[in-house]
Structures are given as structure tokens and as C-alpha cells.
C-alpha atoms as a PDB file:
ATOM      1  CA  ARG A   1      63.394 122.028  11.482  1.00  0.00           C
ATOM      2  CA  GLY A   2      60.521 124.191  10.356  1.00  0.00           C
ATOM      3  CA  ARG A   3      57.470 121.730  10.680  1.00  0.00           C
ATOM      4  CA  THR A   4      54.549 123.381  10.861  1.00  0.00           C
ATOM      5  CA  LYS A   5      52.666 120.714  12.490  1.00  0.00           C
ATOM      6  CA  TYR A   6      55.053 121.324  15.478  1.00  0.00           C
ATOM      7  CA  ALA A   7      55.043 124.805  15.423  1.00  0.00           C
ATOM      8  CA  GLY A   8      51.259 124.939  15.286  1.00  0.00           C
ATOM      9  CA  ARG A   9      51.249 122.978  18.523  1.00  0.00           C
ATOM     10  CA  LEU A  10      53.276 125.343  20.162  1.00  0.00           C
ATOM     11  CA  SER A  11      51.245 128.574  19.241  1.00  0.00           C
ATOM     12  CA  ALA A  12      47.964 126.741  20.544  1.00  0.00           C
ATOM     13  CA  ILE A  13      49.723 125.972  23.845  1.00  0.00           C
ATOM     14  CA  VAL A  14      50.799 129.959  24.006  1.00  0.00           C
ATOM     15  CA  ARG A  15      47.306 131.084  23.231  1.00  0.00           C
ATOM     16  CA  VAL A  16      46.246 128.958  26.500  1.00  0.00           C
ATOM     17  CA  GLY A  17      47.794 132.282  28.641  1.00  0.00           C
ATOM     18  CA  HIS A  18      45.906 134.358  26.349  1.00  0.00           C
ATOM     19  CA  ILE A  19      42.467 132.568  27.224  1.00  0.00           C
ATOM     20  CA  ILE A  20      43.245 132.785  31.315  1.00  0.00           C
ATOM     21  CA  GLY A  21      45.172 135.888  31.444  1.00  0.00           C
ATOM     22  CA  PRO A  22      42.673 138.892  30.388  1.00  0.00           C
ATOM     23  CA  PRO A  23      39.571 137.650  32.256  1.00  0.00           C
ATOM     24  CA  ALA A  24      41.500 137.703  35.469  1.00  0.00           C
ATOM     25  CA  VAL A  25      43.311 140.978  34.642  1.00  0.00           C
ATOM     26  CA  GLY A  26      39.563 142.396  34.005  1.00  0.00           C
ATOM     27  CA  ALA A  27      38.277 141.537  36.726  1.00  0.00           C
ATOM     28  CA  MET A  28      41.111 142.703  38.956  1.00  0.00           C
ATOM     29  CA  TRP A  29      40.986 146.136  37.304  1.00  0.00           C
ATOM     30  CA  ASP A  30      36.806 146.201  38.080  1.00  0.00           C
ATOM     31  CA  PHE A  31      37.093 144.891  41.688  1.00  0.00           C
ATOM     32  CA  GLY A  32      40.028 146.172  42.508  1.00  0.00           C
ATOM     33  CA  GLY A  33      41.547 148.799  40.578  1.00  0.00           C
ATOM     34  CA  PRO A  34      44.929 149.193  38.686  1.00  0.00           C
ATOM     35  CA  TRP A  35      47.297 148.379  41.075  1.00  0.00           C
ATOM     36  CA  PRO A  36      45.969 144.585  41.373  1.00  0.00           C
ATOM     37  CA  ALA A  37      45.429 144.377  37.608  1.00  0.00           C
ATOM     38  CA  PHE A  38      49.001 145.577  37.079  1.00  0.00           C
ATOM     39  CA  GLY A  39      50.410 143.321  39.992  1.00  0.00           C
ATOM     40  CA  MET A  40      48.938 140.667  38.804  1.00  0.00           C
ATOM     41  CA  VAL A  41      50.496 141.280  35.509  1.00  0.00           C
ATOM     42  CA  GLY A  42      53.981 141.430  37.300  1.00  0.00           C
ATOM     43  CA  ILE A  43      53.546 137.665  38.945  1.00  0.00           C
ATOM     44  CA  CYS A  44      53.142 136.701  35.553  1.00  0.00           C
ATOM     45  CA  GLY A  45      56.616 138.027  34.660  1.00  0.00           C
ATOM     46  CA  VAL A  46      58.045 136.472  37.525  1.00  0.00           C
ATOM     47  CA  GLY A  47      56.610 133.370  36.640  1.00  0.00           C
ATOM     48  CA  PHE A  48      58.220 134.010  32.960  1.00  0.00           C
ATOM     49  CA  LEU A  49      61.729 134.789  34.255  1.00  0.00           C
ATOM     50  CA  ALA A  50      61.533 131.523  36.937  1.00  0.00           C
ATOM     51  CA  SER A  51      60.624 129.637  33.783  1.00  0.00           C
ATOM     52  CA  VAL A  52      63.753 130.488  32.012  1.00  0.00           C
ATOM     53  CA  MET A  53      66.122 130.093  34.754  1.00  0.00           C
ATOM     54  CA  LEU A  54      64.833 126.217  34.835  1.00  0.00           C
ATOM     55  CA  LEU A  55      65.759 125.621  31.284  1.00  0.00           C
ATOM     56  CA  PRO A  56      68.809 123.267  31.497  1.00  0.00           C
ATOM     57  CA  PRO A  57      72.044 125.109  30.835  1.00  0.00           C
ATOM     58  CA  LYS A  58      73.894 124.895  27.484  1.00  0.00           C
ATOM     59  CA  LEU A  59      76.050 122.072  27.341  1.00  0.00           C
ATOM     60  CA  GLU A  60      79.990 122.156  26.425  1.00  0.00           C
ATOM     61  CA  SER A  61      80.695 119.918  23.889  1.00  0.00           C
ATOM     62  CA  VAL A  62      81.355 116.651  25.104  1.00  0.00           C
ATOM     63  CA  THR A  63      85.094 115.106  25.756  1.00  0.00           C
ATOM     64  CA  GLN A  64      85.988 111.432  24.463  1.00  0.00           C
ATOM     65  CA  ASP A  65      86.092 110.074  27.803  1.00  0.00           C
ATOM     66  CA  SER A  66      82.578 109.379  28.141  1.00  0.00           C
ATOM     67  CA  ALA A  67      82.860 108.554  32.088  1.00  0.00           C
ATOM     68  CA  THR A  68      83.469 112.484  32.341  1.00  0.00           C
ATOM     69  CA  PRO A  69      80.007 114.390  32.991  1.00  0.00           C
ATOM     70  CA  PRO A  70      79.752 117.324  30.699  1.00  0.00           C
ATOM     71  CA  ARG A  71      79.880 120.533  32.539  1.00  0.00           C
ATOM     72  CA  GLY A  72      77.392 123.169  32.032  1.00  0.00           C
ATOM     73  CA  ALA A  73      78.504 126.395  29.989  1.00  0.00           C
ATOM     74  CA  ARG A  74      79.596 129.657  31.709  1.00  0.00           C
ATOM     75  CA  LEU A  75      78.016 132.532  30.873  1.00  0.00           C
ATOM     76  CA  ARG A  76      80.519 135.047  30.044  1.00  0.00           C
ATOM     77  CA  LEU A  77      80.280 138.942  30.132  1.00  0.00           C
ATOM     78  CA  ARG A  78      81.095 139.259  26.522  1.00  0.00           C
ATOM     79  CA  GLU A  79      78.233 137.088  25.500  1.00  0.00           C
ATOM     80  CA  LEU A  80      76.035 139.991  26.834  1.00  0.00           C
ATOM     81  CA  ILE A  81      77.426 142.843  24.664  1.00  0.00           C
ATOM     82  CA  PRO A  82      76.164 143.105  21.430  1.00  0.00           C
ATOM     83  CA  ASN A  83      78.196 141.951  18.439  1.00  0.00           C
ATOM     84  CA  PRO A  84      77.723 144.255  15.363  1.00  0.00           C
ATOM     85  CA  ALA A  85      78.844 141.377  12.822  1.00  0.00           C
ATOM     86  CA  ASP A  86      75.763 139.536  14.067  1.00  0.00           C
ATOM     87  CA  TYR A  87      73.617 142.235  13.307  1.00  0.00           C
ATOM     88  CA  VAL A  88      75.115 143.064   9.910  1.00  0.00           C
ATOM     89  CA  SER A  89      74.883 139.129   8.820  1.00  0.00           C
ATOM     90  CA  SER A  90      71.413 139.113  10.200  1.00  0.00           C
ATOM     91  CA  PHE A  91      70.434 142.060   8.291  1.00  0.00           C
ATOM     92  CA  ARG A  92      71.818 140.457   4.962  1.00  0.00           C
ATOM     93  CA  LEU A  93      69.500 137.886   5.155  1.00  0.00           C
ATOM     94  CA  LEU A  94      66.683 140.360   3.852  1.00  0.00           C
ATOM     95  CA  GLY A  95      68.437 139.989   0.092  1.00  0.00           C
ATOM     96  CA  VAL A  96      66.703 136.672   0.346  1.00  0.00           C
ATOM     97  CA  PRO A  97      63.389 137.212  -1.305  1.00  0.00           C
ATOM     98  CA  THR A  98      61.625 134.598   0.806  1.00  0.00           C
ATOM     99  CA  ILE A  99      63.114 136.054   3.983  1.00  0.00           C
ATOM    100  CA  ALA A 100      62.044 139.762   3.083  1.00  0.00           C
ATOM    101  CA  ILE A 101      58.594 138.825   2.236  1.00  0.00           C
ATOM    102  CA  THR A 102      57.912 136.591   5.415  1.00  0.00           C
ATOM    103  CA  VAL A 103      59.335 139.369   7.862  1.00  0.00           C
ATOM    104  CA  MET A 104      57.066 142.066   5.773  1.00  0.00           C
ATOM    105  CA  ILE A 105      54.050 140.066   6.057  1.00  0.00           C
ATOM    106  CA  GLY A 106      55.065 139.437   9.382  1.00  0.00           C
ATOM    107  CA  MET A 107      55.130 143.067  10.782  1.00  0.00           C
ATOM    108  CA  MET A 108      51.563 143.633   8.818  1.00  0.00           C
ATOM    109  CA  VAL A 109      50.516 141.199  11.378  1.00  0.00           C
ATOM    110  CA  HIS A 110      51.526 143.229  14.547  1.00  0.00           C
ATOM    111  CA  VAL A 111      49.980 146.449  13.177  1.00  0.00           C
ATOM    112  CA  GLY A 112      46.336 144.681  13.308  1.00  0.00           C
ATOM    113  CA  ASN A 113      47.857 143.008  17.215  1.00  0.00           C
ATOM    114  CA  ASN A 114      48.904 146.457  17.922  1.00  0.00           C
ATOM    115  CA  ILE A 115      46.332 148.081  17.236  1.00  0.00           C
ATOM    116  CA  GLN A 116      44.074 145.518  18.970  1.00  0.00           C
ATOM    117  CA  GLY A 117      45.779 145.819  22.254  1.00  0.00           C
ATOM    118  CA  THR A 118      45.712 149.379  22.323  1.00  0.00           C
ATOM    119  CA  PHE A 119      42.955 151.930  20.519  1.00  0.00           C
ATOM    120  CA  TYR A 120      39.931 148.347  19.991  1.00  0.00           C
ATOM    121  CA  ILE A 121      40.133 148.348  23.732  1.00  0.00           C
ATOM    122  CA  VAL A 122      39.671 152.447  24.166  1.00  0.00           C
ATOM    123  CA  TRP A 123      36.744 151.604  21.805  1.00  0.00           C
ATOM    124  CA  LEU A 124      35.061 149.078  23.403  1.00  0.00           C
ATOM    125  CA  GLU A 125      35.261 150.560  26.454  1.00  0.00           C
ATOM    126  CA  LYS A 126      34.857 154.597  26.056  1.00  0.00           C
ATOM    127  CA  TYR A 127      32.950 154.164  22.852  1.00  0.00           C
ATOM    128  CA  VAL A 128      30.846 151.086  23.345  1.00  0.00           C
ATOM    129  CA  GLY A 129      30.611 151.123  26.762  1.00  0.00           C
ATOM    130  CA  VAL A 130      31.779 147.684  27.398  1.00  0.00           C
ATOM    131  CA  PRO A 131      33.524 147.152  31.141  1.00  0.00           C
ATOM    132  CA  ALA A 132      36.797 145.520  31.426  1.00  0.00           C
ATOM    133  CA  THR A 133      35.715 142.302  32.416  1.00  0.00           C
ATOM    134  CA  LEU A 134      33.692 141.916  29.257  1.00  0.00           C
ATOM    135  CA  ILE A 135      36.659 142.856  27.441  1.00  0.00           C
ATOM    136  CA  GLY A 136      39.009 140.461  29.113  1.00  0.00           C
ATOM    137  CA  PHE A 137      35.995 137.538  28.369  1.00  0.00           C
ATOM    138  CA  LEU A 138      35.999 139.036  24.548  1.00  0.00           C
ATOM    139  CA  ILE A 139      39.940 138.561  24.561  1.00  0.00           C
ATOM    140  CA  SER A 140      39.608 134.941  26.278  1.00  0.00           C
ATOM    141  CA  PHE A 141      37.134 133.734  23.549  1.00  0.00           C
ATOM    142  CA  SER A 142      38.839 135.066  20.650  1.00  0.00           C
ATOM    143  CA  SER A 143      42.229 133.399  21.752  1.00  0.00           C
ATOM    144  CA  ALA A 144      40.301 129.958  21.578  1.00  0.00           C
ATOM    145  CA  ALA A 145      39.525 130.949  17.947  1.00  0.00           C
ATOM    146  CA  ALA A 146      43.884 131.353  17.828  1.00  0.00           C
ATOM    147  CA  ILE A 147      43.991 128.196  19.265  1.00  0.00           C
ATOM    148  CA  ALA A 148      41.971 126.284  16.432  1.00  0.00           C
ATOM    149  CA  GLY A 149      43.724 128.164  13.351  1.00  0.00           C
ATOM    150  CA  SER A 150      47.344 127.470  14.919  1.00  0.00           C
ATOM    151  CA  PHE A 151      46.074 123.873  14.286  1.00  0.00           C
ATOM    152  CA  MET A 152      44.786 124.609  10.742  1.00  0.00           C
ATOM    153  CA  ALA A 153      48.033 126.200   9.492  1.00  0.00           C
ATOM    154  CA  ALA A 154      49.684 122.722   8.896  1.00  0.00           C
ATOM    155  CA  PRO A 155      46.259 121.053   6.877  1.00  0.00           C
ATOM    156  CA  LEU A 156      46.107 124.376   4.644  1.00  0.00           C
ATOM    157  CA  ARG A 157      50.109 123.905   4.052  1.00  0.00           C
ATOM    158  CA  ARG A 158      49.414 120.770   2.648  1.00  0.00           C
ATOM    159  CA  ARG A 159      46.414 121.689   0.307  1.00  0.00           C
ATOM    160  CA  PHE A 160      47.623 125.489  -0.806  1.00  0.00           C
ATOM    161  CA  ARG A 161      50.554 127.073  -1.384  1.00  0.00           C
ATOM    162  CA  ALA A 162      52.066 127.912   2.045  1.00  0.00           C
ATOM    163  CA  TYR A 163      53.038 132.030   1.323  1.00  0.00           C
ATOM    164  CA  TRP A 164      49.839 132.645  -0.215  1.00  0.00           C
ATOM    165  CA  VAL A 165      47.940 131.542   2.933  1.00  0.00           C
ATOM    166  CA  LEU A 166      50.162 133.325   5.169  1.00  0.00           C
ATOM    167  CA  TRP A 167      49.039 136.335   2.641  1.00  0.00           C
ATOM    168  CA  TRP A 168      45.374 135.861   2.778  1.00  0.00           C
ATOM    169  CA  VAL A 169      45.239 134.943   6.315  1.00  0.00           C
ATOM    170  CA  VAL A 170      47.542 138.394   7.496  1.00  0.00           C
ATOM    171  CA  PHE A 171      45.478 140.470   4.941  1.00  0.00           C
ATOM    172  CA  ALA A 172      41.963 138.957   6.343  1.00  0.00           C
ATOM    173  CA  ALA A 173      42.867 139.864  10.209  1.00  0.00           C
ATOM    174  CA  LEU A 174      43.823 143.481   8.952  1.00  0.00           C
ATOM    175  CA  ILE A 175      40.359 143.972   7.396  1.00  0.00           C
ATOM    176  CA  LEU A 176      38.581 142.607  10.308  1.00  0.00           C
ATOM    177  CA  ILE A 177      40.195 145.210  12.672  1.00  0.00           C
ATOM    178  CA  SER A 178      39.856 147.906  10.512  1.00  0.00           C
ATOM    179  CA  ILE A 179      36.240 147.554  10.558  1.00  0.00           C
ATOM    180  CA  THR A 180      35.923 147.787  14.252  1.00  0.00           C
ATOM    181  CA  PRO A 181      33.909 151.293  14.030  1.00  0.00           C
ATOM    182  CA  LEU A 182      31.273 149.614  11.807  1.00  0.00           C
ATOM    183  CA  VAL A 183      30.993 146.448  13.942  1.00  0.00           C
ATOM    184  CA  GLY A 184      29.556 148.720  17.033  1.00  0.00           C
ATOM    185  CA  SER A 185      27.381 150.822  14.451  1.00  0.00           C
ATOM    186  CA  ASN A 186      23.412 150.830  15.298  1.00  0.00           C
ATOM    187  CA  PRO A 187      22.411 148.886  12.060  1.00  0.00           C
ATOM    188  CA  VAL A 188      25.002 145.593  13.173  1.00  0.00           C
ATOM    189  CA  GLN A 189      23.448 146.063  16.499  1.00  0.00           C
ATOM    190  CA  ALA A 190      19.957 146.191  15.354  1.00  0.00           C
ATOM    191  CA  GLY A 191      20.448 142.951  13.214  1.00  0.00           C
ATOM    192  CA  VAL A 192      21.627 141.030  16.024  1.00  0.00           C
ATOM    193  CA  GLN A 193      18.947 141.926  18.228  1.00  0.00           C
ATOM    194  CA  SER A 194      16.596 141.034  15.231  1.00  0.00           C
ATOM    195  CA  THR A 195      18.271 137.690  14.528  1.00  0.00           C
ATOM    196  CA  LEU A 196      18.287 136.684  18.468  1.00  0.00           C
ATOM    197  CA  GLY A 197      15.598 138.662  19.336  1.00  0.00           C
ATOM    198  CA  MET A 198      13.461 135.449  19.093  1.00  0.00           C
ATOM    199  CA  LEU A 199      15.532 133.845  21.574  1.00  0.00           C
ATOM    200  CA  PHE A 200      16.579 136.423  23.735  1.00  0.00           C
ATOM    201  CA  ASP A 201      15.691 139.734  24.875  1.00  0.00           C
ATOM    202  CA  LEU A 202      18.785 141.643  24.116  1.00  0.00           C
ATOM    203  CA  SER A 203      19.826 145.402  24.776  1.00  0.00           C
ATOM    204  CA  PRO A 204      22.292 147.129  22.590  1.00  0.00           C
ATOM    205  CA  LEU A 205      25.505 146.742  24.554  1.00  0.00           C
ATOM    206  CA  ILE A 206      24.602 143.011  24.589  1.00  0.00           C
ATOM    207  CA  ALA A 207      24.191 143.032  20.899  1.00  0.00           C
ATOM    208  CA  ALA A 208      27.290 144.986  20.263  1.00  0.00           C
ATOM    209  CA  TYR A 209      29.331 142.762  22.287  1.00  0.00           C
ATOM    210  CA  ILE A 210      28.042 139.851  20.605  1.00  0.00           C
ATOM    211  CA  ALA A 211      29.088 141.110  16.906  1.00  0.00           C
ATOM    212  CA  PHE A 212      32.343 142.013  18.411  1.00  0.00           C
ATOM    213  CA  CYS A 213      32.758 138.485  19.958  1.00  0.00           C
ATOM    214  CA  ALA A 214      31.878 137.172  16.351  1.00  0.00           C
ATOM    215  CA  VAL A 215      34.406 139.275  14.513  1.00  0.00           C
ATOM    216  CA  SER A 216      37.412 138.689  17.264  1.00  0.00           C
ATOM    217  CA  PHE A 217      36.637 135.094  17.013  1.00  0.00           C
ATOM    218  CA  LEU A 218      36.864 135.113  13.124  1.00  0.00           C
ATOM    219  CA  ARG A 219      39.887 137.175  12.952  1.00  0.00           C
ATOM    220  CA  SER A 220      41.520 135.355  15.918  1.00  0.00           C
ATOM    221  CA  ALA A 221      41.336 132.072  13.741  1.00  0.00           C
ATOM    222  CA  VAL A 222      43.039 133.268  10.708  1.00  0.00           C
ATOM    223  CA  ASN A 223      45.607 135.350  13.132  1.00  0.00           C
ATOM    224  CA  GLY A 224      46.443 132.037  14.695  1.00  0.00           C
ATOM    225  CA  VAL A 225      47.066 130.433  11.156  1.00  0.00           C
ATOM    226  CA  HIS A 226      49.783 132.904  10.557  1.00  0.00           C
ATOM    227  CA  GLN A 227      52.116 132.197  13.347  1.00  0.00           C
ATOM    228  CA  PRO A 228      53.198 128.893  12.780  1.00  0.00           C
ATOM    229  CA  LEU A 229      53.381 129.539   8.963  1.00  0.00           C
ATOM    230  CA  VAL A 230      55.721 132.573   9.718  1.00  0.00           C
ATOM    231  CA  VAL A 231      58.282 130.683  11.866  1.00  0.00           C
ATOM    232  CA  THR A 232      58.364 127.463   9.816  1.00  0.00           C
ATOM    233  CA  LEU A 233      58.661 129.423   6.414  1.00  0.00           C
ATOM    234  CA  MET A 234      61.519 131.290   7.937  1.00  0.00           C
ATOM    235  CA  LEU A 235      63.114 128.418   9.315  1.00  0.00           C
ATOM    236  CA  ALA A 236      63.107 126.183   6.404  1.00  0.00           C
ATOM    237  CA  THR A 237      64.635 128.995   4.155  1.00  0.00           C
ATOM    238  CA  VAL A 238      67.781 129.419   6.361  1.00  0.00           C
ATOM    239  CA  GLY A 239      70.911 127.134   7.221  1.00  0.00           C
ATOM    240  CA  PRO A 240      71.656 125.727  10.260  1.00  0.00           C
ATOM    241  CA  ASN A 241      74.048 128.386  11.684  1.00  0.00           C
ATOM    242  CA  ASP A 242      71.122 131.083  10.351  1.00  0.00           C
ATOM    243  CA  LYS A 243      68.297 130.016  12.015  1.00  0.00           C
ATOM    244  CA  GLY A 244      68.573 131.818  15.078  1.00  0.00           C
ATOM    245  CA  LYS A 245      69.195 135.417  13.246  1.00  0.00           C
ATOM    246  CA  ALA A 246      66.261 134.674  11.017  1.00  0.00           C
ATOM    247  CA  ILE A 247      63.906 134.795  14.288  1.00  0.00           C
ATOM    248  CA  GLY A 248      65.735 137.830  15.782  1.00  0.00           C
ATOM    249  CA  LEU A 249      65.756 139.412  12.712  1.00  0.00           C
ATOM    250  CA  ARG A 250      61.693 138.374  12.675  1.00  0.00           C
ATOM    251  CA  GLY A 251      61.403 139.595  16.064  1.00  0.00           C
ATOM    252  CA  THR A 252      63.144 143.006  15.412  1.00  0.00           C
ATOM    253  CA  ALA A 253      60.532 143.567  12.958  1.00  0.00           C
ATOM    254  CA  ASN A 254      57.751 142.852  15.078  1.00  0.00           C
ATOM    255  CA  ARG A 255      59.208 145.413  17.715  1.00  0.00           C
ATOM    256  CA  VAL A 256      59.497 148.397  14.913  1.00  0.00           C
ATOM    257  CA  THR A 257      55.968 148.067  14.081  1.00  0.00           C
ATOM    258  CA  SER A 258      54.808 147.703  17.430  1.00  0.00           C
ATOM    259  CA  ILE A 259      56.178 151.290  18.178  1.00  0.00           C
ATOM    260  CA  ALA A 260      54.944 152.745  14.573  1.00  0.00           C
ATOM    261  CA  GLY A 261      51.856 151.105  14.828  1.00  0.00           C
ATOM    262  CA  PRO A 262      50.054 152.728  18.190  1.00  0.00           C
ATOM    263  CA  PHE A 263      52.054 155.805  17.482  1.00  0.00           C
ATOM    264  CA  ILE A 264      50.466 156.735  14.067  1.00  0.00           C
ATOM    265  CA  LEU A 265      46.964 155.509  14.716  1.00  0.00           C
ATOM    266  CA  GLY A 266      47.172 158.018  17.633  1.00  0.00           C
ATOM    267  CA  GLY A 267      48.267 160.625  15.356  1.00  0.00           C
ATOM    268  CA  LEU A 268      45.514 159.649  13.060  1.00  0.00           C
ATOM    269  CA  ALA A 269      43.117 159.776  16.061  1.00  0.00           C
ATOM    270  CA  GLY A 270      44.449 163.193  17.107  1.00  0.00           C
ATOM    271  CA  TRP A 271      43.893 164.379  13.861  1.00  0.00           C
ATOM    272  CA  VAL A 272      40.881 162.924  12.699  1.00  0.00           C
ATOM    273  CA  GLY A 273      39.299 161.058  15.034  1.00  0.00           C
ATOM    274  CA  LEU A 274      39.655 157.567  16.424  1.00  0.00           C
ATOM    275  CA  GLU A 275      36.741 156.369  13.978  1.00  0.00           C
ATOM    276  CA  TRP A 276      38.707 157.190  11.111  1.00  0.00           C
ATOM    277  CA  GLY A 277      42.311 156.296  12.039  1.00  0.00           C
ATOM    278  CA  PHE A 278      40.931 152.825  12.214  1.00  0.00           C
ATOM    279  CA  TYR A 279      39.557 153.177   8.289  1.00  0.00           C
ATOM    280  CA  ILE A 280      42.989 155.294   7.159  1.00  0.00           C
ATOM    281  CA  ILE A 281      45.030 152.200   8.826  1.00  0.00           C
ATOM    282  CA  GLY A 282      42.754 149.931   6.971  1.00  0.00           C
ATOM    283  CA  ILE A 283      43.500 151.218   3.779  1.00  0.00           C
ATOM    284  CA  ALA A 284      47.066 151.997   3.984  1.00  0.00           C
ATOM    285  CA  SER A 285      47.704 148.359   4.984  1.00  0.00           C
ATOM    286  CA  SER A 286      45.658 146.870   2.202  1.00  0.00           C
ATOM    287  CA  LEU A 287      47.953 148.891  -0.187  1.00  0.00           C
ATOM    288  CA  VAL A 288      50.596 147.320   1.619  1.00  0.00           C
ATOM    289  CA  MET A 289      49.492 143.988   1.406  1.00  0.00           C
ATOM    290  CA  LEU A 290      48.653 144.314  -2.338  1.00  0.00           C
ATOM    291  CA  LEU A 291      52.599 145.518  -2.877  1.00  0.00           C
ATOM    292  CA  LEU A 292      53.245 142.514  -1.300  1.00  0.00           C
ATOM    293  CA  GLY A 293      50.960 140.328  -3.127  1.00  0.00           C
ATOM    294  CA  LEU A 294      52.639 141.852  -6.375  1.00  0.00           C
ATOM    295  CA  GLN A 295      56.046 140.971  -5.002  1.00  0.00           C
ATOM    296  CA  MET A 296      55.083 137.612  -4.319  1.00  0.00           C
ATOM    297  CA  MET A 297      53.716 137.141  -8.065  1.00  0.00           C
ATOM    298  CA  ARG A 298      57.197 138.427  -9.027  1.00  0.00           C
ATOM    299  CA  HIS A 299      59.143 135.632  -7.391  1.00  0.00           C
ATOM    300  CA  PRO A 300      57.983 132.335  -8.467  1.00  0.00           C
ATOM    301  CA  GLU A 301      60.663 130.999  -6.471  1.00  0.00           C
ATOM    302  CA  ILE A 302      59.397 131.164  -3.067  1.00  0.00           C
ATOM    303  CA  HIS A 303      56.316 128.714  -4.475  1.00  0.00           C
ATOM    304  CA  PRO A 304      58.500 125.424  -5.370  1.00  0.00           C
ATOM    305  CA  ASP A 305      55.862 123.731  -3.609  1.00  0.00           C
ATOM    306  CA  ARG A 306      52.940 123.591  -0.873  1.00  0.00           C
END
């Protein structure tokens, strides 16, 4: 129904897997190598498939005879074949400013998320020297912050205009992933050591790790706000017969970004180096977000209320 409160609860529950999984896979990698680590990921995939198979079947319309139990709808082969008309009608939704802006902002979220899932980990392991187990705990720690952010989505929407909340949290998340090389720099390490040196004797690696945990915690908190907002804003915009198309359109746009984001950063890393690749992606993403902000101001109809 487009209720931010319920979408926030769903987003928070999903993050539980993000808390448990990364440390377990990281430990498997450190102590057993790639085969046990990827094997555990495969087991999770089998569990997901089993969960889907346990869902109740789609019921056909109930006849007038209430004594006759409803039968489960049979899956037909033609239902698995893509229908071009569905794609055309789905992409027509981009003509609605609210849908187009929401999809574009959602795509920018996945620019940062895919960088965090690829080159961010490479930077931590290769350039900072953080072991895989600690990387897993860092991701788990930040996922806990995302749970808190998911629960903050509904209160923020009640107090501020929803699209501007979405814009600001996505912009902040992009900036925080783009400054990754700065977080592990010597001045930041020295600052953490001097701040906590009175309590603990910190090595440069642990000081850098604490800095990455703090930035990742903040990024995940603001990133956790976006998912309930994106889903509910799209569902609230379209009619009851187009809700599935709207969510599918969002998923397609996200997959495009998932392909293009790492590819572009990989090309930049090979051309100017990984560090400058982070900065260039951050500058380019900021320009795109500013353009989206201008479009939001040009379409005041997307801000009817808070």
C-alpha cells in the first residue's frame, strides 16, 4: 500500500542477513580459502530458493460455491516467456516525473553500493591491509546502522518532504563512499590515534580500521533510509495495476547501474589509479545528483505534502 513504516520494517529485517553473513564468509575465507567461502554463499542461495518454493500458490478466483475449496493456479509455460507489451508499458512509466526521478535517484544509490561491494573491499585488503574477517565484521557493523536508518525513514518522511529526504541521504552516501582513500590516510590514522591514545595503544592498522568503521556506520545509516522511501514513493505514485511494473522498472534500472558502475570505476582505476577513480566517481555522481535536484525543483508537483 505504499506505507513507509512497513517498508522500513521489511528493509530492517533484510539487513539481518547482512549482519550475520559477511563475518561468517570472511572467516571461512581466512581459515578455509575460497571454496568454503563460496560454498557458504551457495548454501544461502539454496535457502533462498527453498523459501520461495514454500510461498503459498497464487489462488484462482473463488467460485460462488463456497464449499468448493480454491485450487492453486497452475504455472503455464507462456507465463515464463517475456511479453514485449509489458516492457513497453513499464518504460512508459518513465514519462511520469515522480517515477523517473525516483528511478534515477535509486540508480545513484547502486553506484555507491556496487563500489562498496567491489573496489572498496579491494582497497581495504590491498591498500590498507585489513584481513577478510575484519572486513566482514565492518560490513556487519555497518548493516546494523542500516537497520536503524530503515526505522528512521517513516519519522523523517512525516517531518520533511519525502523526495528531498531521499535526495539528501543518497547524496551523503555517495560522498562517504567516494572519500574512501582519505579515510585510510596517514592524517586520519594519526587523528584517531591521538584521540583514543589515552585509552588504548592503537596500531596504524587498527586506527585506520576504526575510521573506516565510523564512516561506514554513518554511510549505512543514511543508506538505510533510502530503501523504504524509494519503494513507498513508487508504489504511492502508480495505480494498483502498475505497482509490479514500477518495482520491476526500478529493479531493471538498478541492474543497469550494477553493470556500469564497477565497469566504469575499473576503467578509471586502470587509467588514473584506484584512488583517483574514487574521487572522479564522487565528482561525477555529485554532478548527477545536482542535476536531479534541479529537476526536482522544476517539478513542484512531486512535493504535494510531507
